[in-house]
């Protein structure tokens, strides 16, 4: 898995020196689930990470991370992604195949403005929508919040997609 990190997030990841330039051909680099963007949000004075799949704009939200968890961010991402897919109702063999295709975490700072724009919309939905309904960001369940964030239309290069349906279709084709 390649995680394109914003400056805020890369400053928190201890293995941020793990660049793609060091290994130009990482395992599984060409897979459909390989490319994600990550951004660090500070909500209610807590460090939260927002992940977004580049092609489908499928978003994952992880609230309240602490410093030791950033060292193993790849595992946290994989666990949350697979749990959200299971909650979405996908078959277990599709979920297992998706877990295998993610591969080890690789980071870089190459970002796409289109994906960052989609992430900004999701972050605004969190800040001004979900957080207004609860008292603290730690009350947000990562799985149900991620499901809710993906159950909405999203514009990708002037085409409207539904991240929930597009990711489901992608995983079922694996």
C-alpha atoms as a PDB file:
ATOM      1  CA  UNK A   1       0.000   0.000   0.000  1.00  0.00           C
ATOM      2  CA  UNK A   2       1.287   3.420  -0.913  1.00  0.00           C
ATOM      3  CA  UNK A   3       0.133   6.181   1.419  1.00  0.00           C
ATOM      4  CA  UNK A   4       0.527   9.655  -0.062  1.00  0.00           C
ATOM      5  CA  UNK A   5       0.843  11.753   3.095  1.00  0.00           C
ATOM      6  CA  UNK A   6       0.264  15.426   3.683  1.00  0.00           C
ATOM      7  CA  UNK A   7       3.004  17.321   5.518  1.00  0.00           C
ATOM      8  CA  UNK A   8       1.062  17.144   8.787  1.00  0.00           C
ATOM      9  CA  UNK A   9       0.792  13.365   8.663  1.00  0.00           C
ATOM     10  CA  UNK A  10       4.328  12.643   7.453  1.00  0.00           C
ATOM     11  CA  UNK A  11       5.713  14.583  10.418  1.00  0.00           C
ATOM     12  CA  UNK A  12       4.003  12.086  12.767  1.00  0.00           C
ATOM     13  CA  UNK A  13       5.050   8.856  11.044  1.00  0.00           C
ATOM     14  CA  UNK A  14       8.396   7.637  12.405  1.00  0.00           C
ATOM     15  CA  UNK A  15       9.165   5.645   9.259  1.00  0.00           C
ATOM     16  CA  UNK A  16       8.506   8.588   6.939  1.00  0.00           C
ATOM     17  CA  UNK A  17      11.973   8.132   5.470  1.00  0.00           C
ATOM     18  CA  UNK A  18      10.570   4.962   3.887  1.00  0.00           C
ATOM     19  CA  UNK A  19      10.379   6.530   0.420  1.00  0.00           C
ATOM     20  CA  UNK A  20       9.374   4.954  -2.847  1.00  0.00           C
ATOM     21  CA  UNK A  21      12.628   6.133  -4.381  1.00  0.00           C
ATOM     22  CA  UNK A  22      14.521   3.701  -2.164  1.00  0.00           C
ATOM     23  CA  UNK A  23      12.604   0.766  -3.655  1.00  0.00           C
ATOM     24  CA  UNK A  24      11.205   1.668  -7.083  1.00  0.00           C
ATOM     25  CA  UNK A  25       9.211  -1.590  -7.400  1.00  0.00           C
ATOM     26  CA  UNK A  26       7.431  -2.327  -4.102  1.00  0.00           C
ATOM     27  CA  UNK A  27       5.372  -5.501  -3.927  1.00  0.00           C
ATOM     28  CA  UNK A  28       1.862  -5.023  -5.322  1.00  0.00           C
ATOM     29  CA  UNK A  29       2.497  -1.506  -6.557  1.00  0.00           C
ATOM     30  CA  UNK A  30       0.093  -1.861  -9.465  1.00  0.00           C
ATOM     31  CA  UNK A  31      -2.896  -3.284  -7.545  1.00  0.00           C
ATOM     32  CA  UNK A  32      -6.279  -1.542  -7.560  1.00  0.00           C
ATOM     33  CA  UNK A  33      -6.250  -0.985  -3.771  1.00  0.00           C
ATOM     34  CA  UNK A  34      -2.663   0.195  -3.535  1.00  0.00           C
ATOM     35  CA  UNK A  35      -2.884   3.994  -3.689  1.00  0.00           C
ATOM     36  CA  UNK A  36      -4.315   5.973  -0.740  1.00  0.00           C
ATOM     37  CA  UNK A  37      -3.964   9.507   0.603  1.00  0.00           C
ATOM     38  CA  UNK A  38      -3.654  10.305   4.313  1.00  0.00           C
ATOM     39  CA  UNK A  39      -4.161  13.515   6.264  1.00  0.00           C
ATOM     40  CA  UNK A  40      -3.832  14.382   9.947  1.00  0.00           C
ATOM     41  CA  UNK A  41      -6.764  16.304  11.428  1.00  0.00           C
ATOM     42  CA  UNK A  42      -6.879  17.830  14.885  1.00  0.00           C
ATOM     43  CA  UNK A  43     -10.441  17.622  16.197  1.00  0.00           C
ATOM     44  CA  UNK A  44     -11.263  18.380  19.841  1.00  0.00           C
ATOM     45  CA  UNK A  45      -7.508  18.497  20.509  1.00  0.00           C
ATOM     46  CA  UNK A  46      -7.187  14.880  19.349  1.00  0.00           C
ATOM     47  CA  UNK A  47      -5.075  13.591  16.478  1.00  0.00           C
ATOM     48  CA  UNK A  48      -7.319  11.958  13.905  1.00  0.00           C
ATOM     49  CA  UNK A  49      -6.309  10.446  10.569  1.00  0.00           C
ATOM     50  CA  UNK A  50      -8.401  10.577   7.429  1.00  0.00           C
ATOM     51  CA  UNK A  51      -7.597   8.098   4.643  1.00  0.00           C
ATOM     52  CA  UNK A  52      -8.968   8.359   1.113  1.00  0.00           C
ATOM     53  CA  UNK A  53      -8.595   5.812  -1.685  1.00  0.00           C
ATOM     54  CA  UNK A  54      -7.370   7.622  -4.784  1.00  0.00           C
ATOM     55  CA  UNK A  55      -9.640   6.067  -7.416  1.00  0.00           C
ATOM     56  CA  UNK A  56     -12.880   5.532  -5.494  1.00  0.00           C
ATOM     57  CA  UNK A  57     -12.663   8.362  -2.913  1.00  0.00           C
ATOM     58  CA  UNK A  58     -13.546   5.766  -0.280  1.00  0.00           C
ATOM     59  CA  UNK A  59     -12.839   7.455   3.061  1.00  0.00           C
ATOM     60  CA  UNK A  60     -11.750   5.953   6.377  1.00  0.00           C
ATOM     61  CA  UNK A  61     -11.724   7.939   9.629  1.00  0.00           C
ATOM     62  CA  UNK A  62      -9.595   7.010  12.618  1.00  0.00           C
ATOM     63  CA  UNK A  63     -10.054   9.237  15.708  1.00  0.00           C
ATOM     64  CA  UNK A  64      -7.743   9.761  18.652  1.00  0.00           C
ATOM     65  CA  UNK A  65      -4.443   8.244  17.538  1.00  0.00           C
ATOM     66  CA  UNK A  66      -1.468   8.428  19.866  1.00  0.00           C
ATOM     67  CA  UNK A  67       2.224   8.497  19.007  1.00  0.00           C
ATOM     68  CA  UNK A  68       2.862   4.718  19.285  1.00  0.00           C
ATOM     69  CA  UNK A  69      -0.033   4.027  16.898  1.00  0.00           C
ATOM     70  CA  UNK A  70       1.547   6.132  14.152  1.00  0.00           C
ATOM     71  CA  UNK A  71       4.485   3.713  14.067  1.00  0.00           C
ATOM     72  CA  UNK A  72       2.096   0.946  12.983  1.00  0.00           C
ATOM     73  CA  UNK A  73      -0.250   3.023  10.820  1.00  0.00           C
ATOM     74  CA  UNK A  74      -0.338   0.413   8.048  1.00  0.00           C
ATOM     75  CA  UNK A  75      -1.832  -2.210  10.354  1.00  0.00           C
ATOM     76  CA  UNK A  76      -4.364   0.261  11.773  1.00  0.00           C
ATOM     77  CA  UNK A  77      -5.418   1.214   8.246  1.00  0.00           C
ATOM     78  CA  UNK A  78      -5.719  -2.428   7.136  1.00  0.00           C
ATOM     79  CA  UNK A  79      -7.779  -3.404  10.203  1.00  0.00           C
ATOM     80  CA  UNK A  80     -10.155  -0.472   9.802  1.00  0.00           C
ATOM     81  CA  UNK A  81     -10.518  -0.974   6.050  1.00  0.00           C
ATOM     82  CA  UNK A  82     -11.335  -4.675   6.409  1.00  0.00           C
ATOM     83  CA  UNK A  83     -13.747  -4.009   9.290  1.00  0.00           C
ATOM     84  CA  UNK A  84     -15.602  -1.386   7.231  1.00  0.00           C
ATOM     85  CA  UNK A  85     -15.801  -3.772   4.271  1.00  0.00           C
ATOM     86  CA  UNK A  86     -17.234  -6.434   6.570  1.00  0.00           C
ATOM     87  CA  UNK A  87     -19.770  -3.979   7.988  1.00  0.00           C
ATOM     88  CA  UNK A  88     -20.645  -3.076   4.409  1.00  0.00           C
ATOM     89  CA  UNK A  89     -21.687  -6.701   3.928  1.00  0.00           C
ATOM     90  CA  UNK A  90     -19.028  -8.048   1.572  1.00  0.00           C
ATOM     91  CA  UNK A  91     -18.278 -11.765   1.453  1.00  0.00           C
ATOM     92  CA  UNK A  92     -15.398 -12.966   3.624  1.00  0.00           C
ATOM     93  CA  UNK A  93     -13.363 -14.316   0.707  1.00  0.00           C
ATOM     94  CA  UNK A  94     -13.510 -10.871  -0.968  1.00  0.00           C
ATOM     95  CA  UNK A  95     -12.405  -9.211   2.270  1.00  0.00           C
ATOM     96  CA  UNK A  96      -9.508 -11.655   2.678  1.00  0.00           C
ATOM     97  CA  UNK A  97      -8.372 -11.029  -0.899  1.00  0.00           C
ATOM     98  CA  UNK A  98      -8.528  -7.247  -0.321  1.00  0.00           C
ATOM     99  CA  UNK A  99      -6.382  -7.637   2.807  1.00  0.00           C
ATOM    100  CA  UNK A 100      -3.744  -9.533   0.859  1.00  0.00           C
ATOM    101  CA  UNK A 101      -3.625  -6.976  -1.956  1.00  0.00           C
ATOM    102  CA  UNK A 102      -2.962  -4.008   0.333  1.00  0.00           C
ATOM    103  CA  UNK A 103       0.625  -5.095   0.950  1.00  0.00           C
ATOM    104  CA  UNK A 104       3.083  -3.372   3.312  1.00  0.00           C
ATOM    105  CA  UNK A 105       2.829   0.349   3.995  1.00  0.00           C
ATOM    106  CA  UNK A 106       5.003   2.639   1.882  1.00  0.00           C
ATOM    107  CA  UNK A 107       4.829   6.408   2.313  1.00  0.00           C
ATOM    108  CA  UNK A 108       5.607   9.395   0.156  1.00  0.00           C
ATOM    109  CA  UNK A 109       4.602  13.047  -0.054  1.00  0.00           C
ATOM    110  CA  UNK A 110       3.322  13.055  -3.630  1.00  0.00           C
ATOM    111  CA  UNK A 111      -0.268  14.237  -3.439  1.00  0.00           C
ATOM    112  CA  UNK A 112      -3.082  14.749  -5.919  1.00  0.00           C
ATOM    113  CA  UNK A 113      -5.075  17.978  -5.625  1.00  0.00           C
ATOM    114  CA  UNK A 114      -8.289  16.262  -6.683  1.00  0.00           C
ATOM    115  CA  UNK A 115      -8.035  13.677  -3.890  1.00  0.00           C
ATOM    116  CA  UNK A 116      -7.056  16.360  -1.366  1.00  0.00           C
ATOM    117  CA  UNK A 117     -10.138  18.341  -2.394  1.00  0.00           C
ATOM    118  CA  UNK A 118     -12.335  15.296  -1.782  1.00  0.00           C
ATOM    119  CA  UNK A 119     -10.671  14.830   1.592  1.00  0.00           C
ATOM    120  CA  UNK A 120     -11.373  18.462   2.467  1.00  0.00           C
ATOM    121  CA  UNK A 121     -15.085  17.899   1.786  1.00  0.00           C
ATOM    122  CA  UNK A 122     -15.063  14.806   4.025  1.00  0.00           C
ATOM    123  CA  UNK A 123     -13.200  16.725   6.759  1.00  0.00           C
ATOM    124  CA  UNK A 124     -15.795  19.503   6.571  1.00  0.00           C
ATOM    125  CA  UNK A 125     -18.575  16.902   6.850  1.00  0.00           C
ATOM    126  CA  UNK A 126     -16.888  15.661  10.009  1.00  0.00           C
ATOM    127  CA  UNK A 127     -16.209  19.075  11.533  1.00  0.00           C
ATOM    128  CA  UNK A 128     -19.478  20.779  10.756  1.00  0.00           C
ATOM    129  CA  UNK A 129     -21.821  17.804  10.547  1.00  0.00           C
ATOM    130  CA  UNK A 130     -21.010  14.840  12.749  1.00  0.00           C
ATOM    131  CA  UNK A 131     -19.105  16.708  15.464  1.00  0.00           C
ATOM    132  CA  UNK A 132     -22.028  19.086  15.991  1.00  0.00           C
ATOM    133  CA  UNK A 133     -24.203  16.095  16.931  1.00  0.00           C
ATOM    134  CA  UNK A 134     -21.893  14.708  19.632  1.00  0.00           C
ATOM    135  CA  UNK A 135     -19.877  16.065  22.539  1.00  0.00           C
ATOM    136  CA  UNK A 136     -16.419  14.721  21.728  1.00  0.00           C
ATOM    137  CA  UNK A 137     -14.665  13.236  18.687  1.00  0.00           C
ATOM    138  CA  UNK A 138     -13.781  10.146  20.714  1.00  0.00           C
ATOM    139  CA  UNK A 139     -17.478   9.233  20.771  1.00  0.00           C
ATOM    140  CA  UNK A 140     -17.358   8.612  17.011  1.00  0.00           C
ATOM    141  CA  UNK A 141     -17.097   4.929  16.115  1.00  0.00           C
ATOM    142  CA  UNK A 142     -14.519   4.605  13.300  1.00  0.00           C
ATOM    143  CA  UNK A 143     -16.485   1.904  11.460  1.00  0.00           C
ATOM    144  CA  UNK A 144     -19.910   3.554  11.499  1.00  0.00           C
ATOM    145  CA  UNK A 145     -18.378   6.970  10.788  1.00  0.00           C
ATOM    146  CA  UNK A 146     -16.485   5.583   7.787  1.00  0.00           C
ATOM    147  CA  UNK A 147     -19.653   3.905   6.507  1.00  0.00           C
ATOM    148  CA  UNK A 148     -21.553   7.163   6.854  1.00  0.00           C
ATOM    149  CA  UNK A 149     -18.849   9.186   5.076  1.00  0.00           C
ATOM    150  CA  UNK A 150     -18.906   6.791   2.109  1.00  0.00           C
ATOM    151  CA  UNK A 151     -22.667   6.767   1.722  1.00  0.00           C
ATOM    152  CA  UNK A 152     -22.733   9.997  -0.288  1.00  0.00           C
ATOM    153  CA  UNK A 153     -22.093  11.063  -3.878  1.00  0.00           C
ATOM    154  CA  UNK A 154     -18.650  12.438  -4.731  1.00  0.00           C
ATOM    155  CA  UNK A 155     -17.287  14.255  -7.778  1.00  0.00           C
ATOM    156  CA  UNK A 156     -14.168  12.829  -9.436  1.00  0.00           C
ATOM    157  CA  UNK A 157     -12.933  14.753 -12.477  1.00  0.00           C
ATOM    158  CA  UNK A 158     -16.446  16.058 -13.324  1.00  0.00           C
ATOM    159  CA  UNK A 159     -18.016  12.608 -12.896  1.00  0.00           C
ATOM    160  CA  UNK A 160     -20.271  11.776  -9.973  1.00  0.00           C
ATOM    161  CA  UNK A 161     -19.560   8.492  -8.204  1.00  0.00           C
ATOM    162  CA  UNK A 162     -20.793   6.818  -5.037  1.00  0.00           C
ATOM    163  CA  UNK A 163     -17.703   5.682  -3.041  1.00  0.00           C
ATOM    164  CA  UNK A 164     -19.658   2.971  -1.225  1.00  0.00           C
ATOM    165  CA  UNK A 165     -20.807   1.290  -4.449  1.00  0.00           C
ATOM    166  CA  UNK A 166     -17.578   1.810  -6.407  1.00  0.00           C
ATOM    167  CA  UNK A 167     -15.397   0.260  -3.674  1.00  0.00           C
ATOM    168  CA  UNK A 168     -17.799  -2.654  -3.304  1.00  0.00           C
ATOM    169  CA  UNK A 169     -17.629  -3.308  -7.047  1.00  0.00           C
ATOM    170  CA  UNK A 170     -13.826  -3.008  -7.029  1.00  0.00           C
ATOM    171  CA  UNK A 171     -13.382  -5.475  -4.159  1.00  0.00           C
ATOM    172  CA  UNK A 172     -15.847  -7.968  -5.626  1.00  0.00           C
ATOM    173  CA  UNK A 173     -13.880  -7.968  -8.936  1.00  0.00           C
ATOM    174  CA  UNK A 174     -10.642  -8.985  -7.174  1.00  0.00           C
END
